[in-house]
Amino acid sequence: LYSELVQYHQNRVDSIGELERRLESSGYQVGLKVLELITYRNREYKREIRIMNILQFVSTQVWKALFGKNADSLERSIDNADEFMIVDYEPLTSTFVSVPADFGQLSVDAYMSGIVAGVLTGAGFSARVTAHSVALEEGEHSFGSNNNALSGGASSLPPRKEKAVFLVKFAPEVLERDAAMDR
């Protein structure tokens, strides 16, 4: 179904950037609904008001609801205080989608970045979320096991060479609000 969504938008755009924007837009609407659904199902849910708490919620509860597992890591940027990274070594959204050679820079994980942006915005944390495919470094490996849950335990896919990094850049007012709570 996701591959069909990518093809649908691909046939209606002229550039890679426009395709990524459309995928993000589709994901954004899903993110708003996912937040609503998770909070409805979990009656004890309390509204998150801190940046790290909402990011923890996204990388655990939202990821688990969508993919059956937590995101592999949540990191804060060393260079920029307003940037955080959610890392997934085996993103389901790009596992079964092949990108044509003429669309080489396309990140089909843009849909996921839209979902994350929708969840964050719906929770009151305005942010710009972008998806990036990053080559695995020497010695770095995927924490998962190539969709063992999907393939009954036997890995049928070759090892991944890239991980998905979702870069979350919060709006200045969100950072100011979070800093004011520390005072």
Protein backbone atom coordinates (compact mmCIF):
# COMPACT_ATOMS: atom_id res chain seq x y z
CA LEU A 1 0.00 0.00 0.00
CA TYR A 2 2.82 2.41 0.88
CA SER A 3 4.56 1.66 -2.41
CA GLU A 4 1.31 2.56 -4.19
CA LEU A 5 1.20 5.89 -2.33
CA VAL A 6 4.75 6.66 -3.47
CA GLN A 7 3.90 5.73 -7.07
CA TYR A 8 0.71 7.78 -6.97
CA HIS A 9 2.58 10.92 -5.95
CA GLN A 10 5.56 10.15 -8.20
CA ASN A 11 3.32 10.22 -11.29
CA ARG A 12 2.05 13.70 -10.38
CA VAL A 13 5.26 15.60 -9.64
CA ASP A 14 8.15 17.07 -11.60
CA SER A 15 10.94 16.99 -9.01
CA ILE A 16 12.28 14.94 -6.14
CA GLY A 17 11.72 17.81 -3.70
CA GLU A 18 8.07 18.07 -4.66
CA LEU A 19 7.59 14.31 -4.25
CA GLU A 20 9.15 14.43 -0.78
CA ARG A 21 6.89 17.36 0.17
CA ARG A 22 3.81 15.43 -0.94
CA LEU A 23 4.89 12.35 1.02
CA GLU A 24 5.51 14.55 4.08
CA SER A 25 2.08 16.14 3.67
CA SER A 26 0.41 12.73 3.50
CA GLY A 27 2.32 11.60 6.57
CA TYR A 28 1.48 14.79 8.47
CA GLN A 29 -2.24 14.04 8.36
CA VAL A 30 -1.57 10.48 9.53
CA GLY A 31 0.57 11.83 12.40
CA LEU A 32 -2.27 13.97 13.70
CA LYS A 33 -4.57 10.94 13.71
CA VAL A 34 -1.97 8.64 15.26
CA LEU A 35 -1.52 11.03 18.18
CA GLU A 36 -5.28 11.15 18.66
CA LEU A 37 -5.58 7.36 18.50
CA ILE A 38 -2.72 6.65 20.94
CA THR A 39 -3.96 9.17 23.47
CA TYR A 40 -7.50 7.80 23.18
CA ARG A 41 -6.37 4.19 23.69
CA ASN A 42 -4.13 5.06 26.65
CA ARG A 43 -6.50 6.54 29.19
CA GLU A 44 -3.62 7.30 31.58
CA TYR A 45 -1.78 9.40 29.00
CA LYS A 46 -0.72 12.79 30.31
CA ARG A 47 -0.04 15.62 27.93
CA GLU A 48 3.70 16.05 27.46
CA ILE A 49 5.00 19.57 28.02
CA ARG A 50 8.77 19.01 27.79
CA ILE A 51 10.77 18.48 24.59
CA MET A 52 12.61 15.36 25.74
CA ASN A 53 9.39 13.78 27.02
CA ILE A 54 7.53 14.26 23.73
CA LEU A 55 10.51 12.95 21.76
CA GLN A 56 10.66 9.92 24.05
CA PHE A 57 6.92 9.42 23.45
CA VAL A 58 7.43 9.59 19.67
CA SER A 59 10.43 7.25 19.60
CA THR A 60 8.76 4.66 21.82
CA GLN A 61 4.94 4.77 21.86
CA VAL A 62 4.37 6.14 18.35
CA TRP A 63 7.06 3.93 16.78
CA LYS A 64 5.70 0.87 18.58
CA ALA A 65 2.14 1.64 17.46
CA LEU A 66 3.23 2.03 13.84
CA PHE A 67 6.06 -0.51 13.47
CA GLY A 68 5.80 -2.86 16.44
CA LYS A 69 9.16 -1.73 17.86
CA ASN A 70 10.80 1.31 19.40
CA ALA A 71 13.06 3.57 17.33
CA ASP A 72 16.67 2.47 17.65
CA SER A 73 17.95 5.69 19.21
CA LEU A 74 17.11 9.25 20.14
CA GLU A 75 20.02 11.69 20.05
CA ARG A 76 20.53 15.40 20.63
CA SER A 77 22.65 17.30 18.12
CA ILE A 78 26.04 18.33 19.44
CA ASP A 79 26.22 21.34 17.12
CA ASN A 80 22.68 22.75 17.45
CA ALA A 81 20.65 22.80 20.66
CA ASP A 82 17.37 22.93 18.70
CA GLU A 83 18.00 19.73 16.74
CA PHE A 84 17.32 16.14 17.73
CA MET A 85 17.65 12.91 15.75
CA ILE A 86 15.48 9.82 15.84
CA VAL A 87 17.39 6.92 14.29
CA ASP A 88 15.87 3.78 12.81
CA TYR A 89 18.27 1.16 11.44
CA GLU A 90 15.53 -0.73 9.61
CA PRO A 91 12.79 1.71 8.61
CA LEU A 92 9.83 -0.19 7.28
CA THR A 93 8.88 2.65 4.94
CA SER A 94 12.01 2.22 2.83
CA THR A 95 12.59 -1.50 3.22
CA PHE A 96 10.32 -2.64 0.40
CA VAL A 97 10.45 0.42 -1.86
CA SER A 98 13.05 0.60 -4.61
CA VAL A 99 14.07 4.06 -5.75
CA PRO A 100 14.70 4.47 -9.51
CA ALA A 101 18.20 5.64 -10.49
CA ASP A 102 16.90 8.99 -11.79
CA PHE A 103 15.41 9.61 -8.31
CA GLY A 104 18.66 8.73 -6.53
CA GLN A 105 18.44 11.38 -3.80
CA LEU A 106 14.79 10.61 -2.96
CA SER A 107 14.12 9.74 0.66
CA VAL A 108 10.93 7.69 0.75
CA ASP A 109 11.16 8.02 4.53
CA ALA A 110 9.81 11.57 4.03
CA TYR A 111 6.39 10.06 4.76
CA MET A 112 7.63 9.07 8.22
CA SER A 113 9.04 12.54 8.81
CA GLY A 114 5.58 13.89 8.03
CA ILE A 115 4.05 11.53 10.60
CA VAL A 116 6.55 12.69 13.24
CA ALA A 117 5.85 16.35 12.38
CA GLY A 118 2.09 15.72 12.65
CA VAL A 119 2.44 14.08 16.07
CA LEU A 120 4.68 16.88 17.35
CA THR A 121 2.46 19.66 16.01
CA GLY A 122 -0.66 17.98 17.36
CA ALA A 123 1.01 17.83 20.77
CA GLY A 124 1.89 21.55 20.64
CA PHE A 125 5.55 21.28 19.59
CA SER A 126 6.05 23.04 16.26
CA ALA A 127 8.99 21.48 14.47
CA ARG A 128 10.45 20.89 11.04
CA VAL A 129 11.19 17.19 10.54
CA THR A 130 13.30 15.91 7.66
CA ALA A 131 14.29 12.36 6.73
CA HIS A 132 17.84 11.46 5.75
CA SER A 133 19.41 8.20 4.66
CA VAL A 134 22.84 7.94 6.26
CA ALA A 135 25.43 5.28 5.46
CA LEU A 136 26.22 2.95 8.32
CA GLU A 137 29.67 3.58 9.75
CA GLU A 138 32.32 0.90 10.15
CA GLY A 139 31.33 -1.36 13.04
CA GLU A 140 27.84 0.12 13.24
CA HIS A 141 25.15 -2.44 12.65
CA SER A 142 21.44 -2.61 12.63
CA PHE A 143 19.98 -3.48 16.04
CA GLY A 144 17.08 -5.35 14.50
CA SER A 145 17.36 -8.52 12.53
CA ASN A 146 16.11 -7.61 9.08
CA ASN A 147 12.41 -7.97 9.80
CA ASN A 148 12.60 -11.31 11.58
CA ALA A 149 9.09 -10.71 12.86
CA LEU A 150 7.85 -10.40 9.29
CA SER A 151 9.76 -13.34 7.87
CA GLY A 152 9.16 -15.85 10.64
CA GLY A 153 12.68 -15.61 12.09
CA ALA A 154 14.73 -16.17 8.95
CA SER A 155 16.26 -13.10 7.38
CA SER A 156 15.35 -12.95 3.72
CA LEU A 157 16.72 -9.47 3.07
CA PRO A 158 20.34 -8.50 2.57
CA PRO A 159 21.90 -6.42 5.36
CA ARG A 160 21.10 -2.71 5.08
CA LYS A 161 23.83 -0.26 4.19
CA GLU A 162 21.95 2.82 5.38
CA LYS A 163 19.96 3.94 8.37
CA ALA A 164 17.14 6.46 8.47
CA VAL A 165 17.75 9.58 10.54
CA PHE A 166 14.79 11.84 11.24
CA LEU A 167 16.12 15.30 12.04
CA VAL A 168 13.76 17.26 14.28
CA LYS A 169 14.36 21.02 14.42
CA PHE A 170 12.08 22.76 16.91
CA ALA A 171 10.64 26.24 16.43
CA PRO A 172 12.24 28.97 18.61
CA GLU A 173 9.06 29.48 20.65
CA VAL A 174 9.06 25.79 21.63
CA LEU A 175 12.66 26.05 22.83
CA GLU A 176 11.86 29.24 24.76
CA ARG A 177 8.87 27.56 26.42
CA ASP A 178 11.00 24.58 27.41
CA ALA A 179 13.77 26.83 28.78
CA ALA A 180 11.23 28.84 30.79
CA MET A 181 10.16 25.64 32.57
CA ASP A 182 13.74 25.14 33.78
CA ARG A 183 13.71 28.49 35.58
